[in-house]
Amino acid sequence: MSDRVLILGGTQEATELARALAGKPGVETISSLAGRTRRPAEIPGTLRRGGFGGAGGLEAYLRREGIRVVVDATHPYAEAISAHAAAACEGAAVPRIALHRAPWTQATGERWIVAADADAAARALPGLGRRVLLTIGSRGLEPFLRVPELRYVVRSIEAPEPAPEADRVTLLLARGPFDIEGERRLLESHAIDVLVSKNAGGRAAYPKIAAARTLGIPVVMIARPPPPPGERVDSVAAALSWVEERLASD
């Protein structure tokens, strides 16, 4: 019988881990996506979409499916599923590790205004600029749209639902990775004078931060929420080693 590994995914690291585990003898991977991205990258192994019904539903799933280990490789801002995973794994006595890439740190010459959440980020915008590039995904736009007299360029993989007011929002659908020259052209062509970003970490989305620095554009950086207690790694290689060690422990 195969050892079943549940990867709570939706990130590049989750896909890379599934690929690294693909074809390993005696290992079966199940990648679970929340279903928000309609066109996810190709992922080897079994793909599951949709929620579990909270921590209790996830715990029942772990027991029913005989999951040996869980890797929480969700987005570092996916607070609910991470909390549910921690509670479910504790209840089912299933080892769990969080795989979240390291956050960015402010570089010399960058002007960051760190905000605790989207509401705080929206409140920080007046006085910083009037044309805002929002790169926080397709959800959570409401606090920004409540700020009067600002115009937004919203870049996300999926279109927001419901669609925001066209007279205040320009929508750009794009998937990274991006490069610094392209990001600089984007900022200049839309006359952006302030950037709002989540601290996603990694190389693929960082060029917008570097481009903002070269143009002297301030960045409102939404801080990561505190993760639930438990083991954490920030690389696919470290997560792979952890999985292999746990599966070999019996």
C-alpha atoms as a PDB file:
ATOM      1  CA  MET A   1       0.000   0.000   0.000  1.00  0.00           C
ATOM      2  CA  SER A   2       1.326   3.448  -0.909  1.00  0.00           C
ATOM      3  CA  ASP A   3       2.153   6.131   1.633  1.00  0.00           C
ATOM      4  CA  ARG A   4      -0.272   8.962   0.986  1.00  0.00           C
ATOM      5  CA  VAL A   5       1.022  12.524   1.183  1.00  0.00           C
ATOM      6  CA  LEU A   6      -1.498  15.364   1.261  1.00  0.00           C
ATOM      7  CA  ILE A   7      -0.177  18.660  -0.126  1.00  0.00           C
ATOM      8  CA  LEU A   8      -2.364  21.638   0.610  1.00  0.00           C
ATOM      9  CA  GLY A   9      -1.415  23.631  -2.436  1.00  0.00           C
ATOM     10  CA  GLY A  10      -2.048  26.583  -4.679  1.00  0.00           C
ATOM     11  CA  THR A  11       1.546  27.832  -4.766  1.00  0.00           C
ATOM     12  CA  GLN A  12       4.526  27.216  -7.022  1.00  0.00           C
ATOM     13  CA  GLU A  13       6.278  25.437  -4.157  1.00  0.00           C
ATOM     14  CA  ALA A  14       3.362  23.025  -3.757  1.00  0.00           C
ATOM     15  CA  THR A  15       3.550  22.108  -7.445  1.00  0.00           C
ATOM     16  CA  GLU A  16       7.329  21.684  -7.289  1.00  0.00           C
ATOM     17  CA  LEU A  17       7.015  19.389  -4.270  1.00  0.00           C
ATOM     18  CA  ALA A  18       4.394  17.264  -6.032  1.00  0.00           C
ATOM     19  CA  ARG A  19       6.729  16.963  -9.014  1.00  0.00           C
ATOM     20  CA  ALA A  20       9.644  16.024  -6.768  1.00  0.00           C
ATOM     21  CA  LEU A  21       7.578  13.257  -5.167  1.00  0.00           C
ATOM     22  CA  ALA A  22       6.124  12.009  -8.457  1.00  0.00           C
ATOM     23  CA  GLY A  23       7.338   8.554  -9.372  1.00  0.00           C
ATOM     24  CA  LYS A  24       8.894   7.788  -5.988  1.00  0.00           C
ATOM     25  CA  PRO A  25       8.158   4.128  -5.243  1.00  0.00           C
ATOM     26  CA  GLY A  26       5.468   3.604  -2.661  1.00  0.00           C
ATOM     27  CA  VAL A  27       4.440   7.282  -2.480  1.00  0.00           C
ATOM     28  CA  GLU A  28       1.089   8.692  -3.592  1.00  0.00           C
ATOM     29  CA  THR A  29       0.580  12.460  -3.606  1.00  0.00           C
ATOM     30  CA  ILE A  30      -2.777  14.195  -3.302  1.00  0.00           C
ATOM     31  CA  SER A  31      -2.665  17.908  -4.082  1.00  0.00           C
ATOM     32  CA  SER A  32      -5.630  19.838  -2.705  1.00  0.00           C
ATOM     33  CA  LEU A  33      -6.594  23.209  -4.181  1.00  0.00           C
ATOM     34  CA  ALA A  34      -9.193  25.538  -2.759  1.00  0.00           C
ATOM     35  CA  GLY A  35     -10.638  25.994  -6.238  1.00  0.00           C
ATOM     36  CA  ARG A  36     -10.114  29.750  -6.523  1.00  0.00           C
ATOM     37  CA  THR A  37      -7.782  29.480  -9.522  1.00  0.00           C
ATOM     38  CA  ARG A  38      -9.700  28.075 -12.477  1.00  0.00           C
ATOM     39  CA  ARG A  39      -6.597  27.269 -14.538  1.00  0.00           C
ATOM     40  CA  PRO A  40      -3.949  25.889 -12.176  1.00  0.00           C
ATOM     41  CA  ALA A  41      -0.557  24.698 -13.351  1.00  0.00           C
ATOM     42  CA  GLU A  42      -0.310  21.011 -14.277  1.00  0.00           C
ATOM     43  CA  ILE A  43       0.278  18.981 -11.112  1.00  0.00           C
ATOM     44  CA  PRO A  44       1.281  15.299 -11.066  1.00  0.00           C
ATOM     45  CA  GLY A  45      -0.516  12.831  -8.830  1.00  0.00           C
ATOM     46  CA  THR A  46      -4.106  13.051  -7.649  1.00  0.00           C
ATOM     47  CA  LEU A  47      -5.712  16.505  -7.775  1.00  0.00           C
ATOM     48  CA  ARG A  48      -8.485  17.415  -5.358  1.00  0.00           C
ATOM     49  CA  ARG A  49     -10.440  20.673  -5.551  1.00  0.00           C
ATOM     50  CA  GLY A  50     -12.658  22.381  -3.006  1.00  0.00           C
ATOM     51  CA  GLY A  51     -12.764  22.734   0.762  1.00  0.00           C
ATOM     52  CA  PHE A  52     -12.961  20.067   3.458  1.00  0.00           C
ATOM     53  CA  GLY A  53     -15.630  21.593   5.661  1.00  0.00           C
ATOM     54  CA  GLY A  54     -13.403  23.124   8.309  1.00  0.00           C
ATOM     55  CA  ALA A  55     -10.944  21.472  10.665  1.00  0.00           C
ATOM     56  CA  GLY A  56     -13.366  18.681  11.548  1.00  0.00           C
ATOM     57  CA  GLY A  57     -13.949  17.816   7.911  1.00  0.00           C
ATOM     58  CA  LEU A  58     -10.233  17.784   7.204  1.00  0.00           C
ATOM     59  CA  GLU A  59      -9.547  15.574  10.220  1.00  0.00           C
ATOM     60  CA  ALA A  60     -12.173  13.112   9.011  1.00  0.00           C
ATOM     61  CA  TYR A  61     -10.612  13.171   5.532  1.00  0.00           C
ATOM     62  CA  LEU A  62      -7.137  12.424   6.944  1.00  0.00           C
ATOM     63  CA  ARG A  63      -8.464   9.419   8.821  1.00  0.00           C
ATOM     64  CA  ARG A  64     -10.645   8.131   5.993  1.00  0.00           C
ATOM     65  CA  GLU A  65      -7.964   8.417   3.322  1.00  0.00           C
ATOM     66  CA  GLY A  66      -5.109   7.114   5.467  1.00  0.00           C
ATOM     67  CA  ILE A  67      -2.949  10.203   4.992  1.00  0.00           C
ATOM     68  CA  ARG A  68       0.545   9.670   6.403  1.00  0.00           C
ATOM     69  CA  VAL A  69       1.844  13.262   6.327  1.00  0.00           C
ATOM     70  CA  VAL A  70       0.526  16.712   5.432  1.00  0.00           C
ATOM     71  CA  VAL A  71       2.458  19.556   3.830  1.00  0.00           C
ATOM     72  CA  ASP A  72       0.756  22.938   4.150  1.00  0.00           C
ATOM     73  CA  ALA A  73       2.096  24.704   1.069  1.00  0.00           C
ATOM     74  CA  THR A  74      -0.754  27.172   0.789  1.00  0.00           C
ATOM     75  CA  HIS A  75      -0.240  30.887   0.335  1.00  0.00           C
ATOM     76  CA  PRO A  76       1.158  32.405   3.561  1.00  0.00           C
ATOM     77  CA  TYR A  77      -1.961  34.616   3.729  1.00  0.00           C
ATOM     78  CA  ALA A  78      -4.360  31.640   3.673  1.00  0.00           C
ATOM     79  CA  GLU A  79      -4.975  31.860   7.416  1.00  0.00           C
ATOM     80  CA  ALA A  80      -8.110  29.737   7.633  1.00  0.00           C
ATOM     81  CA  ILE A  81      -6.853  26.606   5.872  1.00  0.00           C
ATOM     82  CA  SER A  82      -3.538  26.732   7.750  1.00  0.00           C
ATOM     83  CA  ALA A  83      -5.365  26.941  11.077  1.00  0.00           C
ATOM     84  CA  HIS A  84      -7.688  24.109  10.038  1.00  0.00           C
ATOM     85  CA  ALA A  85      -4.717  21.985   8.948  1.00  0.00           C
ATOM     86  CA  ALA A  86      -2.948  22.490  12.279  1.00  0.00           C
ATOM     87  CA  ALA A  87      -6.046  21.503  14.258  1.00  0.00           C
ATOM     88  CA  ALA A  88      -6.935  18.561  12.017  1.00  0.00           C
ATOM     89  CA  CYS A  89      -3.439  17.093  12.031  1.00  0.00           C
ATOM     90  CA  GLU A  90      -3.242  17.381  15.803  1.00  0.00           C
ATOM     91  CA  GLY A  91      -6.591  15.652  16.158  1.00  0.00           C
ATOM     92  CA  ALA A  92      -5.705  12.846  13.745  1.00  0.00           C
ATOM     93  CA  ALA A  93      -2.081  12.548  14.968  1.00  0.00           C
ATOM     94  CA  VAL A  94      -0.770  13.131  11.433  1.00  0.00           C
ATOM     95  CA  PRO A  95       2.632  14.870  11.090  1.00  0.00           C
ATOM     96  CA  ARG A  96       2.385  18.297   9.432  1.00  0.00           C
ATOM     97  CA  ILE A  97       4.869  20.836   8.156  1.00  0.00           C
ATOM     98  CA  ALA A  98       4.325  24.272   6.646  1.00  0.00           C
ATOM     99  CA  LEU A  99       6.191  25.139   3.453  1.00  0.00           C
ATOM    100  CA  HIS A 100       6.167  28.907   2.992  1.00  0.00           C
ATOM    101  CA  ARG A 101       8.856  30.774   1.086  1.00  0.00           C
ATOM    102  CA  ALA A 102      10.848  33.344   3.071  1.00  0.00           C
ATOM    103  CA  PRO A 103       9.329  36.848   3.078  1.00  0.00           C
ATOM    104  CA  TRP A 104      11.008  39.763   1.340  1.00  0.00           C
ATOM    105  CA  THR A 105      13.043  42.174   3.415  1.00  0.00           C
ATOM    106  CA  GLN A 106      13.297  45.889   2.741  1.00  0.00           C
ATOM    107  CA  ALA A 107      16.346  46.804   0.677  1.00  0.00           C
ATOM    108  CA  THR A 108      18.337  50.011   0.757  1.00  0.00           C
ATOM    109  CA  GLY A 109      16.533  52.711  -1.202  1.00  0.00           C
ATOM    110  CA  GLU A 110      13.093  51.153  -0.846  1.00  0.00           C
ATOM    111  CA  ARG A 111      10.292  53.011   0.920  1.00  0.00           C
ATOM    112  CA  TRP A 112       7.940  50.575   2.605  1.00  0.00           C
ATOM    113  CA  ILE A 113       4.852  51.392   4.619  1.00  0.00           C
ATOM    114  CA  VAL A 114       4.064  48.141   6.430  1.00  0.00           C
ATOM    115  CA  ALA A 115       0.349  47.537   7.038  1.00  0.00           C
ATOM    116  CA  ALA A 116      -1.132  44.845   9.256  1.00  0.00           C
ATOM    117  CA  ASP A 117      -3.924  43.991   6.810  1.00  0.00           C
ATOM    118  CA  ALA A 118      -5.821  45.220   3.744  1.00  0.00           C
ATOM    119  CA  ASP A 119      -7.908  47.699   5.740  1.00  0.00           C
ATOM    120  CA  ALA A 120      -4.787  49.296   7.190  1.00  0.00           C
ATOM    121  CA  ALA A 121      -3.170  49.345   3.740  1.00  0.00           C
ATOM    122  CA  ALA A 122      -6.169  51.175   2.270  1.00  0.00           C
ATOM    123  CA  ARG A 123      -6.110  53.731   5.082  1.00  0.00           C
ATOM    124  CA  ALA A 124      -2.422  54.415   4.380  1.00  0.00           C
ATOM    125  CA  LEU A 125      -2.931  55.351   0.714  1.00  0.00           C
ATOM    126  CA  PRO A 126      -4.236  58.937   0.933  1.00  0.00           C
ATOM    127  CA  GLY A 127      -1.229  61.238   0.789  1.00  0.00           C
ATOM    128  CA  LEU A 128       1.018  58.596  -0.807  1.00  0.00           C
ATOM    129  CA  GLY A 129      -0.408  58.728  -4.323  1.00  0.00           C
ATOM    130  CA  ARG A 130      -3.492  58.797  -6.500  1.00  0.00           C
ATOM    131  CA  ARG A 131      -2.812  56.002  -9.010  1.00  0.00           C
ATOM    132  CA  VAL A 132      -2.343  52.666  -7.274  1.00  0.00           C
ATOM    133  CA  LEU A 133      -1.100  49.325  -8.563  1.00  0.00           C
ATOM    134  CA  LEU A 134      -2.833  46.606  -6.525  1.00  0.00           C
ATOM    135  CA  THR A 135      -1.121  43.202  -6.660  1.00  0.00           C
ATOM    136  CA  ILE A 136      -2.975  41.412  -3.875  1.00  0.00           C
ATOM    137  CA  GLY A 137      -4.994  38.954  -5.971  1.00  0.00           C
ATOM    138  CA  SER A 138      -8.605  39.064  -7.064  1.00  0.00           C
ATOM    139  CA  ARG A 139     -10.079  39.069  -3.544  1.00  0.00           C
ATOM    140  CA  GLY A 140     -10.027  41.621  -0.775  1.00  0.00           C
ATOM    141  CA  LEU A 141     -10.377  44.703  -2.981  1.00  0.00           C
ATOM    142  CA  GLU A 142     -13.300  46.212  -1.053  1.00  0.00           C
ATOM    143  CA  PRO A 143     -11.277  48.250   1.482  1.00  0.00           C
ATOM    144  CA  PHE A 144      -9.406  49.974  -1.347  1.00  0.00           C
ATOM    145  CA  LEU A 145     -12.491  50.746  -3.407  1.00  0.00           C
ATOM    146  CA  ARG A 146     -13.971  52.513  -0.391  1.00  0.00           C
ATOM    147  CA  VAL A 147     -11.157  55.094  -0.497  1.00  0.00           C
ATOM    148  CA  PRO A 148     -12.435  58.024  -2.613  1.00  0.00           C
ATOM    149  CA  GLU A 149     -10.591  59.770  -5.423  1.00  0.00           C
ATOM    150  CA  LEU A 150      -8.074  56.990  -6.064  1.00  0.00           C
ATOM    151  CA  ARG A 151      -7.641  55.120  -9.336  1.00  0.00           C
ATOM    152  CA  TYR A 152      -6.447  51.526  -9.417  1.00  0.00           C
ATOM    153  CA  VAL A 153      -4.687  49.123 -11.721  1.00  0.00           C
ATOM    154  CA  VAL A 154      -5.524  45.655 -10.399  1.00  0.00           C
ATOM    155  CA  ARG A 155      -3.270  42.833 -11.582  1.00  0.00           C
ATOM    156  CA  SER A 156      -4.302  39.286 -10.781  1.00  0.00           C
ATOM    157  CA  ILE A 157      -4.452  35.823 -12.313  1.00  0.00           C
ATOM    158  CA  GLU A 158      -8.245  35.660 -12.106  1.00  0.00           C
ATOM    159  CA  ALA A 159     -10.783  38.424 -12.646  1.00  0.00           C
ATOM    160  CA  PRO A 160     -12.424  39.781  -9.486  1.00  0.00           C
ATOM    161  CA  GLU A 161     -16.044  38.801  -8.877  1.00  0.00           C
ATOM    162  CA  PRO A 162     -18.114  40.920  -8.911  1.00  0.00           C
ATOM    163  CA  ALA A 163     -16.294  43.133 -11.391  1.00  0.00           C
ATOM    164  CA  PRO A 164     -15.233  46.474  -9.854  1.00  0.00           C
ATOM    165  CA  GLU A 165     -16.283  49.843 -11.245  1.00  0.00           C
ATOM    166  CA  ALA A 166     -14.686  50.279 -14.657  1.00  0.00           C
ATOM    167  CA  ASP A 167     -14.243  54.031 -14.251  1.00  0.00           C
ATOM    168  CA  ARG A 168     -11.956  53.568 -11.234  1.00  0.00           C
ATOM    169  CA  VAL A 169     -10.274  50.247 -12.008  1.00  0.00           C
ATOM    170  CA  THR A 170      -8.125  48.982 -14.855  1.00  0.00           C
ATOM    171  CA  LEU A 171      -7.900  45.200 -14.740  1.00  0.00           C
ATOM    172  CA  LEU A 172      -4.797  43.344 -15.925  1.00  0.00           C
ATOM    173  CA  LEU A 173      -4.911  39.534 -16.011  1.00  0.00           C
ATOM    174  CA  ALA A 174      -1.396  38.110 -15.853  1.00  0.00           C
ATOM    175  CA  ARG A 175       0.564  35.286 -14.286  1.00  0.00           C
ATOM    176  CA  GLY A 176       4.233  35.645 -13.305  1.00  0.00           C
ATOM    177  CA  PRO A 177       7.129  35.363 -13.288  1.00  0.00           C
ATOM    178  CA  PHE A 178       7.750  38.984 -14.229  1.00  0.00           C
ATOM    179  CA  ASP A 179      10.971  40.884 -14.990  1.00  0.00           C
ATOM    180  CA  ILE A 180      12.124  44.256 -13.730  1.00  0.00           C
ATOM    181  CA  GLU A 181      12.086  46.010 -17.117  1.00  0.00           C
ATOM    182  CA  GLY A 182       8.545  44.880 -17.815  1.00  0.00           C
ATOM    183  CA  GLU A 183       7.452  45.964 -14.345  1.00  0.00           C
ATOM    184  CA  ARG A 184       9.077  49.341 -14.795  1.00  0.00           C
ATOM    185  CA  ARG A 185       7.253  49.844 -18.099  1.00  0.00           C
ATOM    186  CA  LEU A 186       3.985  48.889 -16.423  1.00  0.00           C
ATOM    187  CA  LEU A 187       4.462  51.401 -13.625  1.00  0.00           C
ATOM    188  CA  GLU A 188       5.439  54.165 -16.020  1.00  0.00           C
ATOM    189  CA  SER A 189       2.771  53.505 -18.648  1.00  0.00           C
ATOM    190  CA  HIS A 190      -0.003  53.666 -16.036  1.00  0.00           C
ATOM    191  CA  ALA A 191       1.567  56.600 -14.155  1.00  0.00           C
ATOM    192  CA  ILE A 192       1.559  54.539 -10.944  1.00  0.00           C
ATOM    193  CA  ASP A 193       2.690  56.487  -7.889  1.00  0.00           C
ATOM    194  CA  VAL A 194       2.097  53.866  -5.158  1.00  0.00           C
ATOM    195  CA  LEU A 195       2.249  50.061  -5.121  1.00  0.00           C
ATOM    196  CA  VAL A 196       0.302  47.764  -2.787  1.00  0.00           C
ATOM    197  CA  SER A 197       1.594  44.226  -2.342  1.00  0.00           C
ATOM    198  CA  LYS A 198       1.419  41.287  -0.016  1.00  0.00           C
ATOM    199  CA  ASN A 199       4.790  40.056   1.217  1.00  0.00           C
ATOM    200  CA  ALA A 200       4.632  36.883  -0.857  1.00  0.00           C
ATOM    201  CA  GLY A 201       8.383  36.328  -0.982  1.00  0.00           C
ATOM    202  CA  GLY A 202      10.214  34.499  -3.763  1.00  0.00           C
ATOM    203  CA  ARG A 203      11.781  35.663  -7.015  1.00  0.00           C
ATOM    204  CA  ALA A 204       8.820  35.511  -9.406  1.00  0.00           C
ATOM    205  CA  ALA A 205       6.955  38.547  -8.042  1.00  0.00           C
ATOM    206  CA  TYR A 206       9.856  40.550  -6.602  1.00  0.00           C
ATOM    207  CA  PRO A 207      10.680  42.562  -9.781  1.00  0.00           C
ATOM    208  CA  LYS A 208       7.739  44.907  -9.083  1.00  0.00           C
ATOM    209  CA  ILE A 209       9.374  45.832  -5.762  1.00  0.00           C
ATOM    210  CA  ALA A 210      12.719  46.435  -7.465  1.00  0.00           C
ATOM    211  CA  ALA A 211      11.069  48.471 -10.224  1.00  0.00           C
ATOM    212  CA  ALA A 212       9.258  50.607  -7.654  1.00  0.00           C
ATOM    213  CA  ARG A 213      12.598  51.267  -5.967  1.00  0.00           C
ATOM    214  CA  THR A 214      14.214  52.461  -9.202  1.00  0.00           C
ATOM    215  CA  LEU A 215      11.312  54.874  -9.789  1.00  0.00           C
ATOM    216  CA  GLY A 216      11.109  56.095  -6.194  1.00  0.00           C
ATOM    217  CA  ILE A 217       7.578  54.708  -5.768  1.00  0.00           C
ATOM    218  CA  PRO A 218       6.492  53.865  -2.204  1.00  0.00           C
ATOM    219  CA  VAL A 219       5.281  50.349  -1.431  1.00  0.00           C
ATOM    220  CA  VAL A 220       2.461  49.632   0.993  1.00  0.00           C
ATOM    221  CA  MET A 221       3.408  46.138   2.133  1.00  0.00           C
ATOM    222  CA  ILE A 222       0.728  44.020   3.770  1.00  0.00           C
ATOM    223  CA  ALA A 223       2.436  41.978   6.486  1.00  0.00           C
ATOM    224  CA  ARG A 224       1.992  38.243   6.763  1.00  0.00           C
ATOM    225  CA  PRO A 225      -0.400  36.963   9.407  1.00  0.00           C
ATOM    226  CA  PRO A 226       1.229  34.921  12.176  1.00  0.00           C
ATOM    227  CA  PRO A 227       1.278  31.212  11.263  1.00  0.00           C
ATOM    228  CA  PRO A 228      -0.113  28.510  13.543  1.00  0.00           C
ATOM    229  CA  PRO A 229       2.428  26.701  15.715  1.00  0.00           C
ATOM    230  CA  GLY A 230       4.370  23.830  14.195  1.00  0.00           C
ATOM    231  CA  GLU A 231       7.347  22.949  12.048  1.00  0.00           C
ATOM    232  CA  ARG A 232       8.108  25.250   9.130  1.00  0.00           C
ATOM    233  CA  VAL A 233      10.535  25.257   6.210  1.00  0.00           C
ATOM    234  CA  ASP A 234      11.049  27.769   3.422  1.00  0.00           C
ATOM    235  CA  SER A 235      12.304  25.563   0.581  1.00  0.00           C
ATOM    236  CA  VAL A 236      10.999  22.640  -1.457  1.00  0.00           C
ATOM    237  CA  ALA A 237      14.227  20.731  -0.797  1.00  0.00           C
ATOM    238  CA  ALA A 238      13.749  20.997   2.958  1.00  0.00           C
ATOM    239  CA  ALA A 239      10.098  19.942   2.706  1.00  0.00           C
ATOM    240  CA  LEU A 240      11.052  16.974   0.518  1.00  0.00           C
ATOM    241  CA  SER A 241      13.665  15.838   3.056  1.00  0.00           C
ATOM    242  CA  TRP A 242      11.110  16.151   5.863  1.00  0.00           C
ATOM    243  CA  VAL A 243       8.545  14.053   3.974  1.00  0.00           C
ATOM    244  CA  GLU A 244      11.077  11.363   3.140  1.00  0.00           C
ATOM    245  CA  GLU A 245      12.266  11.196   6.750  1.00  0.00           C
ATOM    246  CA  ARG A 246       8.718  10.874   8.112  1.00  0.00           C
ATOM    247  CA  LEU A 247       7.752   8.206   5.603  1.00  0.00           C
ATOM    248  CA  ALA A 248      10.898   6.229   6.415  1.00  0.00           C
ATOM    249  CA  SER A 249      10.350   6.433  10.173  1.00  0.00           C
ATOM    250  CA  ASP A 250       8.051   3.383  10.346  1.00  0.00           C
END
